Amino acid sequence: MLLQNGNLMIRKLEEKDKFLLIKWLSNPSILEFYEGRDNPFNLEKVEKAFYPPEDDEVRCIVEFKDHDIGYIQFYPLDEETKNDYGYVEENIFGMDQFIGDVGYWNKGIGTLLVSSIVDFLTEEKKAKRVVMDPRSRNTRAIRCYEKCRFKKVKILPKHELHEGEYQDCWLMEYHK
């Protein structure tokens, strides 16, 4: 277990979780906001995207009341990404997440998840900033991040290919 906050638990991704990721990332309701409905995942794609041999990302499963409900990853920003975003200081982390079980949407769990991992990154990893880049039209996610004290920093034009079209994203940051 990486961390626990009440009924929320975050644990490292395990081999057995491949099938959860396939289930979640083949659901059009999830894909509308994460990866795109034109980009469903199968076993090969999950293994390539979530189980690479070596990198700096920490990949985790989110549990709520002992149910696997989502995924979160965090990582130190590499130099190229820091330059693209206009950062010069050290120890900046990025994060990505989704609640894969739609029955757990709109219950405040996303806010609990994001605020819990931000506390972990700033306290345990000594992160100076934590950043995310949600698509600008993902208003529900943006509201969640703003509740967790993330601020919109700048628009990233045509930043992410989603459903066949490059879309604008917000660079959002939490600054300790």
N, C-alpha and C. Protein backbone atom coordinates (compact mmCIF):
# COMPACT_ATOMS: atom_id res chain seq x y z
N MET A 1 0.84 -1.17 0.00
CA MET A 1 0.00 0.00 0.00
C MET A 1 0.89 1.25 0.00
N LEU A 2 0.57 2.17 -0.88
CA LEU A 2 1.33 3.41 -0.97
C LEU A 2 0.79 4.42 0.04
N LEU A 3 -0.53 4.55 0.09
CA LEU A 3 -1.12 5.45 1.08
C LEU A 3 -2.57 5.12 1.30
N GLN A 4 -3.08 5.55 2.44
CA GLN A 4 -4.48 5.37 2.78
C GLN A 4 -4.99 6.65 3.42
N ASN A 5 -6.20 7.05 3.05
CA ASN A 5 -6.86 8.20 3.63
C ASN A 5 -8.32 7.82 3.83
N GLY A 6 -8.67 7.39 5.03
CA GLY A 6 -10.03 6.92 5.29
C GLY A 6 -10.33 5.69 4.47
N ASN A 7 -11.42 5.73 3.70
CA ASN A 7 -11.83 4.60 2.87
C ASN A 7 -11.05 4.50 1.56
N LEU A 8 -10.22 5.49 1.28
CA LEU A 8 -9.43 5.51 0.05
C LEU A 8 -8.07 4.88 0.28
N MET A 9 -7.69 3.96 -0.61
CA MET A 9 -6.37 3.36 -0.54
C MET A 9 -5.75 3.38 -1.92
N ILE A 10 -4.46 3.68 -1.98
CA ILE A 10 -3.72 3.66 -3.24
C ILE A 10 -2.61 2.63 -3.09
N ARG A 11 -2.59 1.68 -4.03
CA ARG A 11 -1.58 0.63 -4.00
C ARG A 11 -0.91 0.56 -5.37
N LYS A 12 0.31 0.03 -5.36
CA LYS A 12 1.05 -0.10 -6.62
C LYS A 12 0.35 -1.08 -7.56
N LEU A 13 0.44 -0.78 -8.85
CA LEU A 13 -0.12 -1.62 -9.90
C LEU A 13 0.53 -3.00 -9.86
N GLU A 14 -0.29 -4.05 -10.01
CA GLU A 14 0.19 -5.43 -10.02
C GLU A 14 -0.19 -6.09 -11.35
N GLU A 15 0.43 -7.21 -11.63
CA GLU A 15 0.15 -7.94 -12.87
C GLU A 15 -1.35 -8.24 -13.02
N LYS A 16 -2.00 -8.63 -11.94
CA LYS A 16 -3.42 -9.00 -12.01
C LYS A 16 -4.31 -7.83 -12.41
N ASP A 17 -3.81 -6.61 -12.30
CA ASP A 17 -4.61 -5.43 -12.60
C ASP A 17 -4.78 -5.17 -14.09
N LYS A 18 -4.08 -5.91 -14.93
CA LYS A 18 -4.20 -5.74 -16.38
C LYS A 18 -5.66 -5.84 -16.81
N PHE A 19 -6.36 -6.78 -16.21
CA PHE A 19 -7.73 -7.04 -16.64
C PHE A 19 -8.69 -5.94 -16.19
N LEU A 20 -8.40 -5.32 -15.06
CA LEU A 20 -9.17 -4.13 -14.66
C LEU A 20 -8.96 -3.00 -15.66
N LEU A 21 -7.70 -2.77 -16.02
CA LEU A 21 -7.40 -1.69 -16.97
C LEU A 21 -8.06 -1.94 -18.32
N ILE A 22 -8.05 -3.19 -18.78
CA ILE A 22 -8.73 -3.50 -20.05
C ILE A 22 -10.22 -3.20 -19.93
N LYS A 23 -10.82 -3.62 -18.83
CA LYS A 23 -12.26 -3.37 -18.62
C LYS A 23 -12.56 -1.88 -18.63
N TRP A 24 -11.81 -1.10 -17.85
CA TRP A 24 -12.06 0.33 -17.76
C TRP A 24 -11.77 1.03 -19.08
N LEU A 25 -10.66 0.66 -19.73
CA LEU A 25 -10.22 1.38 -20.92
C LEU A 25 -10.79 0.80 -22.21
N SER A 26 -11.87 0.05 -22.08
CA SER A 26 -12.66 -0.32 -23.25
C SER A 26 -14.10 0.17 -23.07
N ASN A 27 -14.34 0.91 -21.99
CA ASN A 27 -15.65 1.48 -21.69
C ASN A 27 -15.74 2.87 -22.32
N PRO A 28 -16.68 3.08 -23.25
CA PRO A 28 -16.80 4.39 -23.90
C PRO A 28 -17.00 5.55 -22.93
N SER A 29 -17.66 5.32 -21.80
CA SER A 29 -17.86 6.39 -20.81
C SER A 29 -16.54 6.88 -20.23
N ILE A 30 -15.60 5.97 -20.04
CA ILE A 30 -14.27 6.33 -19.54
C ILE A 30 -13.45 6.93 -20.68
N LEU A 31 -13.48 6.28 -21.83
CA LEU A 31 -12.67 6.70 -22.97
C LEU A 31 -13.04 8.09 -23.48
N GLU A 32 -14.26 8.52 -23.23
CA GLU A 32 -14.65 9.88 -23.64
C GLU A 32 -13.74 10.92 -23.01
N PHE A 33 -13.24 10.62 -21.80
CA PHE A 33 -12.41 11.58 -21.07
C PHE A 33 -10.95 11.15 -20.98
N TYR A 34 -10.65 9.87 -21.18
CA TYR A 34 -9.28 9.36 -21.01
C TYR A 34 -8.96 8.51 -22.23
N GLU A 35 -8.10 8.97 -23.08
CA GLU A 35 -7.58 8.27 -24.25
C GLU A 35 -8.45 8.36 -25.49
N GLY A 36 -9.76 8.49 -25.39
CA GLY A 36 -10.63 8.63 -26.55
C GLY A 36 -11.40 7.37 -26.89
N ARG A 37 -12.66 7.57 -27.29
CA ARG A 37 -13.53 6.43 -27.61
C ARG A 37 -13.06 5.68 -28.84
N ASP A 38 -12.21 6.31 -29.65
CA ASP A 38 -11.66 5.64 -30.82
C ASP A 38 -10.37 4.87 -30.49
N ASN A 39 -10.06 4.77 -29.20
CA ASN A 39 -8.78 4.19 -28.78
C ASN A 39 -8.96 3.18 -27.64
N PRO A 40 -9.86 2.18 -27.80
CA PRO A 40 -10.03 1.20 -26.72
C PRO A 40 -8.77 0.35 -26.54
N PHE A 41 -8.60 -0.15 -25.33
CA PHE A 41 -7.41 -0.92 -24.98
C PHE A 41 -7.72 -2.41 -24.96
N ASN A 42 -6.74 -3.19 -25.42
CA ASN A 42 -6.76 -4.64 -25.28
C ASN A 42 -5.55 -5.02 -24.42
N LEU A 43 -5.31 -6.30 -24.25
CA LEU A 43 -4.22 -6.75 -23.39
C LEU A 43 -2.86 -6.22 -23.87
N GLU A 44 -2.61 -6.31 -25.15
CA GLU A 44 -1.32 -5.85 -25.69
C GLU A 44 -1.10 -4.35 -25.43
N LYS A 45 -2.13 -3.57 -25.65
CA LYS A 45 -2.02 -2.13 -25.44
C LYS A 45 -1.84 -1.78 -23.96
N VAL A 46 -2.53 -2.47 -23.09
CA VAL A 46 -2.37 -2.25 -21.65
C VAL A 46 -0.96 -2.61 -21.22
N GLU A 47 -0.45 -3.74 -21.67
CA GLU A 47 0.92 -4.13 -21.31
C GLU A 47 1.94 -3.10 -21.77
N LYS A 48 1.77 -2.59 -22.97
CA LYS A 48 2.72 -1.61 -23.51
C LYS A 48 2.63 -0.27 -22.76
N ALA A 49 1.41 0.19 -22.48
CA ALA A 49 1.23 1.51 -21.86
C ALA A 49 1.45 1.52 -20.36
N PHE A 50 1.09 0.45 -19.67
CA PHE A 50 1.09 0.47 -18.21
C PHE A 50 2.15 -0.44 -17.56
N TYR A 51 2.80 -1.26 -18.36
CA TYR A 51 3.80 -2.18 -17.81
C TYR A 51 5.12 -2.11 -18.59
N PRO A 52 5.65 -0.89 -18.80
CA PRO A 52 6.93 -0.81 -19.52
C PRO A 52 8.06 -1.34 -18.64
N PRO A 53 9.17 -1.77 -19.27
CA PRO A 53 10.27 -2.35 -18.49
C PRO A 53 10.83 -1.40 -17.44
N GLU A 54 11.09 -0.17 -17.79
CA GLU A 54 11.69 0.79 -16.84
C GLU A 54 11.29 2.21 -17.20
N ASP A 55 10.85 2.95 -16.25
CA ASP A 55 10.67 4.39 -16.38
C ASP A 55 10.45 4.97 -14.98
N ASP A 56 10.22 6.27 -14.92
CA ASP A 56 10.11 6.94 -13.61
C ASP A 56 8.68 7.06 -13.10
N GLU A 57 7.72 6.52 -13.84
CA GLU A 57 6.33 6.65 -13.42
C GLU A 57 6.00 5.63 -12.33
N VAL A 58 5.24 6.09 -11.35
CA VAL A 58 4.70 5.20 -10.33
C VAL A 58 3.23 5.00 -10.68
N ARG A 59 2.87 3.76 -10.98
CA ARG A 59 1.52 3.43 -11.42
C ARG A 59 0.78 2.71 -10.30
N CYS A 60 -0.46 3.15 -10.07
CA CYS A 60 -1.20 2.63 -8.91
C CYS A 60 -2.66 2.38 -9.23
N ILE A 61 -3.24 1.50 -8.45
CA ILE A 61 -4.69 1.25 -8.46
C ILE A 61 -5.29 1.97 -7.26
N VAL A 62 -6.45 2.55 -7.50
CA VAL A 62 -7.19 3.26 -6.46
C VAL A 62 -8.29 2.34 -5.96
N GLU A 63 -8.35 2.17 -4.66
CA GLU A 63 -9.41 1.38 -4.03
C GLU A 63 -10.25 2.30 -3.14
N PHE A 64 -11.54 2.03 -3.09
CA PHE A 64 -12.42 2.74 -2.18
C PHE A 64 -13.31 1.70 -1.51
N LYS A 65 -13.26 1.67 -0.20
CA LYS A 65 -14.00 0.66 0.57
C LYS A 65 -13.75 -0.74 0.02
N ASP A 66 -12.47 -1.05 -0.21
CA ASP A 66 -12.03 -2.37 -0.68
C ASP A 66 -12.48 -2.75 -2.09
N HIS A 67 -12.92 -1.76 -2.89
CA HIS A 67 -13.26 -2.01 -4.29
C HIS A 67 -12.24 -1.28 -5.17
N ASP A 68 -11.74 -1.97 -6.18
CA ASP A 68 -10.85 -1.33 -7.16
C ASP A 68 -11.72 -0.42 -8.02
N ILE A 69 -11.42 0.88 -8.00
CA ILE A 69 -12.28 1.82 -8.72
C ILE A 69 -11.55 2.69 -9.74
N GLY A 70 -10.21 2.72 -9.71
CA GLY A 70 -9.54 3.62 -10.63
C GLY A 70 -8.04 3.45 -10.66
N TYR A 71 -7.43 4.39 -11.36
CA TYR A 71 -6.01 4.34 -11.65
C TYR A 71 -5.41 5.73 -11.42
N ILE A 72 -4.17 5.77 -10.94
CA ILE A 72 -3.44 7.03 -10.82
C ILE A 72 -1.96 6.75 -11.07
N GLN A 73 -1.30 7.71 -11.70
CA GLN A 73 0.14 7.62 -11.88
C GLN A 73 0.76 8.98 -11.59
N PHE A 74 1.98 8.96 -11.11
CA PHE A 74 2.71 10.21 -10.89
C PHE A 74 4.16 9.99 -11.25
N TYR A 75 4.86 11.09 -11.54
CA TYR A 75 6.21 11.01 -12.07
C TYR A 75 6.88 12.37 -11.98
N PRO A 76 8.21 12.36 -11.79
CA PRO A 76 8.93 13.64 -11.85
C PRO A 76 8.95 14.10 -13.31
N LEU A 77 8.72 15.40 -13.53
CA LEU A 77 8.76 15.92 -14.89
C LEU A 77 10.17 15.84 -15.45
N ASP A 78 10.30 15.40 -16.69
CA ASP A 78 11.61 15.38 -17.34
C ASP A 78 11.94 16.80 -17.82
N GLU A 79 13.19 16.99 -18.20
CA GLU A 79 13.67 18.33 -18.59
C GLU A 79 12.90 18.88 -19.78
N GLU A 80 12.62 18.04 -20.76
CA GLU A 80 11.90 18.50 -21.95
C GLU A 80 10.51 19.02 -21.59
N THR A 81 9.80 18.30 -20.75
CA THR A 81 8.45 18.73 -20.35
C THR A 81 8.53 20.00 -19.52
N LYS A 82 9.50 20.08 -18.60
CA LYS A 82 9.66 21.32 -17.82
C LYS A 82 9.91 22.50 -18.75
N ASN A 83 10.76 22.33 -19.74
CA ASN A 83 11.02 23.41 -20.70
C ASN A 83 9.76 23.78 -21.47
N ASP A 84 9.01 22.77 -21.94
CA ASP A 84 7.77 23.02 -22.68
C ASP A 84 6.77 23.82 -21.84
N TYR A 85 6.72 23.53 -20.55
CA TYR A 85 5.77 24.19 -19.67
C TYR A 85 6.31 25.49 -19.08
N GLY A 86 7.59 25.75 -19.25
CA GLY A 86 8.18 27.00 -18.76
C GLY A 86 8.69 26.94 -17.33
N TYR A 87 9.03 25.76 -16.85
CA TYR A 87 9.54 25.62 -15.50
C TYR A 87 11.07 25.46 -15.51
N VAL A 88 11.71 26.01 -14.49
CA VAL A 88 13.16 25.85 -14.37
C VAL A 88 13.55 25.15 -13.07
N GLU A 89 12.70 25.23 -12.05
CA GLU A 89 13.07 24.63 -10.77
C GLU A 89 12.97 23.11 -10.81
N GLU A 90 13.57 22.52 -9.80
CA GLU A 90 13.61 21.07 -9.69
C GLU A 90 12.40 20.55 -8.89
N ASN A 91 12.25 19.24 -8.93
CA ASN A 91 11.27 18.52 -8.13
C ASN A 91 9.82 18.92 -8.41
N ILE A 92 9.47 18.85 -9.68
CA ILE A 92 8.09 19.06 -10.12
C ILE A 92 7.55 17.71 -10.56
N PHE A 93 6.37 17.37 -10.08
CA PHE A 93 5.75 16.10 -10.43
C PHE A 93 4.53 16.33 -11.30
N GLY A 94 4.31 15.40 -12.21
CA GLY A 94 3.07 15.35 -12.98
C GLY A 94 2.25 14.19 -12.48
N MET A 95 0.95 14.25 -12.76
CA MET A 95 0.08 13.14 -12.38
C MET A 95 -1.08 13.03 -13.36
N ASP A 96 -1.60 11.83 -13.48
CA ASP A 96 -2.76 11.52 -14.32
C ASP A 96 -3.59 10.50 -13.55
N GLN A 97 -4.88 10.57 -13.71
CA GLN A 97 -5.74 9.64 -13.00
C GLN A 97 -7.11 9.55 -13.65
N PHE A 98 -7.82 8.49 -13.33
CA PHE A 98 -9.22 8.37 -13.72
C PHE A 98 -9.90 7.41 -12.76
N ILE A 99 -11.19 7.64 -12.57
CA ILE A 99 -12.02 6.69 -11.84
C ILE A 99 -12.67 5.82 -12.91
N GLY A 100 -12.29 4.56 -12.91
CA GLY A 100 -12.71 3.65 -13.97
C GLY A 100 -14.06 3.00 -13.74
N ASP A 101 -14.55 3.03 -12.53
CA ASP A 101 -15.86 2.48 -12.21
C ASP A 101 -16.82 3.66 -12.13
N VAL A 102 -17.66 3.83 -13.16
CA VAL A 102 -18.50 5.03 -13.24
C VAL A 102 -19.50 5.12 -12.09
N GLY A 103 -19.75 4.03 -11.40
CA GLY A 103 -20.62 4.07 -10.23
C GLY A 103 -20.04 4.90 -9.09
N TYR A 104 -18.75 5.23 -9.18
CA TYR A 104 -18.09 6.03 -8.16
C TYR A 104 -17.85 7.47 -8.60
N TRP A 105 -18.40 7.86 -9.75
CA TRP A 105 -18.29 9.24 -10.21
C TRP A 105 -19.24 10.14 -9.41
N ASN A 106 -18.88 11.40 -9.30
CA ASN A 106 -19.72 12.44 -8.70
C ASN A 106 -20.06 12.15 -7.23
N LYS A 107 -19.11 11.59 -6.51
CA LYS A 107 -19.30 11.29 -5.09
C LYS A 107 -18.20 11.93 -4.23
N GLY A 108 -17.36 12.77 -4.85
CA GLY A 108 -16.28 13.42 -4.11
C GLY A 108 -15.02 12.58 -3.98
N ILE A 109 -15.02 11.39 -4.57
CA ILE A 109 -13.87 10.50 -4.44
C ILE A 109 -12.69 11.02 -5.26
N GLY A 110 -12.96 11.61 -6.42
CA GLY A 110 -11.88 12.20 -7.22
C GLY A 110 -11.16 13.31 -6.47
N THR A 111 -11.92 14.13 -5.79
CA THR A 111 -11.32 15.21 -4.99
C THR A 111 -10.48 14.63 -3.86
N LEU A 112 -11.00 13.62 -3.19
CA LEU A 112 -10.25 12.96 -2.13
C LEU A 112 -8.97 12.33 -2.68
N LEU A 113 -9.07 11.69 -3.84
CA LEU A 113 -7.92 11.06 -4.47
C LEU A 113 -6.85 12.10 -4.82
N VAL A 114 -7.23 13.15 -5.51
CA VAL A 114 -6.25 14.15 -5.95
C VAL A 114 -5.62 14.85 -4.76
N SER A 115 -6.42 15.26 -3.80
CA SER A 115 -5.84 15.96 -2.64
C SER A 115 -4.94 15.03 -1.83
N SER A 116 -5.28 13.75 -1.74
CA SER A 116 -4.45 12.80 -1.00
C SER A 116 -3.10 12.59 -1.68
N ILE A 117 -3.10 12.45 -3.00
CA ILE A 117 -1.82 12.21 -3.68
C ILE A 117 -0.98 13.48 -3.71
N VAL A 118 -1.61 14.65 -3.78
CA VAL A 118 -0.85 15.91 -3.71
C VAL A 118 -0.18 16.03 -2.35
N ASP A 119 -0.90 15.71 -1.29
CA ASP A 119 -0.28 15.73 0.05
C ASP A 119 0.90 14.76 0.11
N PHE A 120 0.73 13.58 -0.45
CA PHE A 120 1.80 12.59 -0.48
C PHE A 120 3.02 13.12 -1.24
N LEU A 121 2.78 13.70 -2.42
CA LEU A 121 3.89 14.19 -3.24
C LEU A 121 4.62 15.36 -2.59
N THR A 122 3.88 16.26 -1.96
CA THR A 122 4.54 17.42 -1.35
C THR A 122 5.23 17.06 -0.04
N GLU A 123 4.65 16.13 0.71
CA GLU A 123 5.24 15.76 1.99
C GLU A 123 6.32 14.68 1.86
N GLU A 124 6.02 13.61 1.14
CA GLU A 124 6.94 12.47 1.05
C GLU A 124 8.01 12.65 -0.03
N LYS A 125 7.62 13.21 -1.16
CA LYS A 125 8.55 13.37 -2.28
C LYS A 125 9.12 14.78 -2.37
N LYS A 126 8.66 15.66 -1.48
CA LYS A 126 9.13 17.06 -1.41
C LYS A 126 8.92 17.81 -2.72
N ALA A 127 7.82 17.51 -3.41
CA ALA A 127 7.49 18.20 -4.66
C ALA A 127 7.23 19.67 -4.37
N LYS A 128 7.79 20.54 -5.20
CA LYS A 128 7.55 21.98 -5.10
C LYS A 128 6.25 22.34 -5.82
N ARG A 129 5.99 21.64 -6.91
CA ARG A 129 4.77 21.83 -7.71
C ARG A 129 4.29 20.46 -8.18
N VAL A 130 2.99 20.38 -8.40
CA VAL A 130 2.39 19.21 -9.02
C VAL A 130 1.56 19.76 -10.18
N VAL A 131 1.72 19.16 -11.36
CA VAL A 131 1.03 19.67 -12.54
C VAL A 131 0.21 18.59 -13.22
N MET A 132 -0.82 19.06 -13.93
CA MET A 132 -1.65 18.21 -14.77
C MET A 132 -2.02 19.01 -16.01
N ASP A 133 -2.44 18.29 -17.05
CA ASP A 133 -2.82 18.98 -18.28
C ASP A 133 -4.13 18.43 -18.85
N PRO A 134 -5.25 18.64 -18.14
CA PRO A 134 -6.54 18.13 -18.63
C PRO A 134 -6.98 18.88 -19.90
N ARG A 135 -7.73 18.17 -20.75
CA ARG A 135 -8.31 18.84 -21.91
C ARG A 135 -9.23 19.95 -21.43
N SER A 136 -9.22 21.05 -22.12
CA SER A 136 -9.95 22.25 -21.67
C SER A 136 -11.46 22.02 -21.59
N ARG A 137 -11.98 21.06 -22.32
CA ARG A 137 -13.43 20.83 -22.26
C ARG A 137 -13.82 19.79 -21.21
N ASN A 138 -12.86 19.27 -20.47
CA ASN A 138 -13.16 18.30 -19.41
C ASN A 138 -13.47 19.09 -18.12
N THR A 139 -14.62 19.74 -18.13
CA THR A 139 -14.96 20.68 -17.06
C THR A 139 -15.12 20.00 -15.70
N ARG A 140 -15.62 18.77 -15.68
CA ARG A 140 -15.79 18.08 -14.39
C ARG A 140 -14.43 17.84 -13.73
N ALA A 141 -13.45 17.39 -14.51
CA ALA A 141 -12.11 17.16 -13.96
C ALA A 141 -11.49 18.49 -13.51
N ILE A 142 -11.63 19.52 -14.31
CA ILE A 142 -11.05 20.82 -13.96
C ILE A 142 -11.65 21.34 -12.66
N ARG A 143 -12.94 21.21 -12.48
CA ARG A 143 -13.58 21.63 -11.21
C ARG A 143 -13.00 20.85 -10.04
N CYS A 144 -12.81 19.55 -10.22
CA CYS A 144 -12.22 18.71 -9.17
C CYS A 144 -10.84 19.24 -8.81
N TYR A 145 -10.01 19.50 -9.81
CA TYR A 145 -8.64 19.95 -9.56
C TYR A 145 -8.63 21.32 -8.88
N GLU A 146 -9.54 22.18 -9.28
CA GLU A 146 -9.61 23.49 -8.64
C GLU A 146 -10.02 23.37 -7.17
N LYS A 147 -10.90 22.42 -6.85
CA LYS A 147 -11.25 22.18 -5.45
C LYS A 147 -10.03 21.76 -4.65
N CYS A 148 -9.06 21.13 -5.33
CA CYS A 148 -7.83 20.66 -4.68
C CYS A 148 -6.72 21.71 -4.76
N ARG A 149 -7.09 22.96 -5.02
CA ARG A 149 -6.19 24.12 -5.04
C ARG A 149 -5.23 24.15 -6.22
N PHE A 150 -5.58 23.46 -7.31
CA PHE A 150 -4.83 23.62 -8.55
C PHE A 150 -5.32 24.90 -9.22
N LYS A 151 -4.41 25.59 -9.87
CA LYS A 151 -4.73 26.82 -10.60
C LYS A 151 -4.44 26.60 -12.08
N LYS A 152 -5.27 27.21 -12.92
CA LYS A 152 -5.01 27.21 -14.35
C LYS A 152 -3.84 28.15 -14.60
N VAL A 153 -2.80 27.65 -15.26
CA VAL A 153 -1.60 28.45 -15.52
C VAL A 153 -1.63 29.01 -16.93
N LYS A 154 -1.84 28.13 -17.91
CA LYS A 154 -1.92 28.60 -19.29
C LYS A 154 -2.55 27.52 -20.15
N ILE A 155 -3.10 27.98 -21.26
CA ILE A 155 -3.69 27.05 -22.22
C ILE A 155 -2.56 26.45 -23.05
N LEU A 156 -2.66 25.17 -23.33
CA LEU A 156 -1.69 24.47 -24.17
C LEU A 156 -2.42 24.14 -25.48
N PRO A 157 -2.24 24.98 -26.50
CA PRO A 157 -3.02 24.80 -27.73
C PRO A 157 -2.70 23.49 -28.45
N LYS A 158 -3.76 22.83 -28.90
CA LYS A 158 -3.62 21.59 -29.68
C LYS A 158 -2.58 20.65 -29.06
N HIS A 159 -2.72 20.43 -27.78
CA HIS A 159 -1.72 19.70 -26.99
C HIS A 159 -1.87 18.19 -27.04
N GLU A 160 -3.10 17.71 -27.20
CA GLU A 160 -3.33 16.26 -27.09
C GLU A 160 -4.25 15.78 -28.19
N LEU A 161 -3.84 14.70 -28.85
CA LEU A 161 -4.69 14.07 -29.85
C LEU A 161 -5.76 13.26 -29.12
N HIS A 162 -7.01 13.61 -29.38
CA HIS A 162 -8.12 12.93 -28.71
C HIS A 162 -9.24 12.78 -29.72
N GLU A 163 -9.60 11.56 -30.00
CA GLU A 163 -10.67 11.23 -30.93
C GLU A 163 -10.47 11.90 -32.29
N GLY A 164 -9.23 11.78 -32.78
CA GLY A 164 -8.91 12.23 -34.12
C GLY A 164 -8.64 13.71 -34.29
N GLU A 165 -8.63 14.46 -33.21
CA GLU A 165 -8.44 15.91 -33.30
C GLU A 165 -7.51 16.37 -32.19
N TYR A 166 -6.57 17.25 -32.54
CA TYR A 166 -5.71 17.83 -31.51
C TYR A 166 -6.53 18.84 -30.71
N GLN A 167 -6.51 18.69 -29.40
CA GLN A 167 -7.35 19.51 -28.54
C GLN A 167 -6.51 20.32 -27.57
N ASP A 168 -7.07 21.47 -27.19
CA ASP A 168 -6.42 22.33 -26.21
C ASP A 168 -6.52 21.70 -24.82
N CYS A 169 -5.48 21.93 -24.03
CA CYS A 169 -5.45 21.48 -22.64
C CYS A 169 -5.07 22.66 -21.76
N TRP A 170 -5.44 22.57 -20.51
CA TRP A 170 -4.98 23.54 -19.52
C TRP A 170 -3.77 22.97 -18.81
N LEU A 171 -2.74 23.77 -18.66
CA LEU A 171 -1.69 23.44 -17.72
C LEU A 171 -2.19 23.94 -16.37
N MET A 172 -2.35 23.00 -15.44
CA MET A 172 -2.81 23.34 -14.10
C MET A 172 -1.74 22.94 -13.11
N GLU A 173 -1.57 23.75 -12.08
CA GLU A 173 -0.53 23.43 -11.10
C GLU A 173 -1.01 23.66 -9.68
N TYR A 174 -0.46 22.85 -8.82
CA TYR A 174 -0.55 23.05 -7.38
C TYR A 174 0.85 23.50 -6.97
N HIS A 175 0.91 24.64 -6.32
CA HIS A 175 2.21 25.17 -5.89
C HIS A 175 2.18 25.26 -4.38
N LYS A 176 3.11 24.55 -3.75
CA LYS A 176 3.15 24.52 -2.28
C LYS A 176 3.56 25.87 -1.72
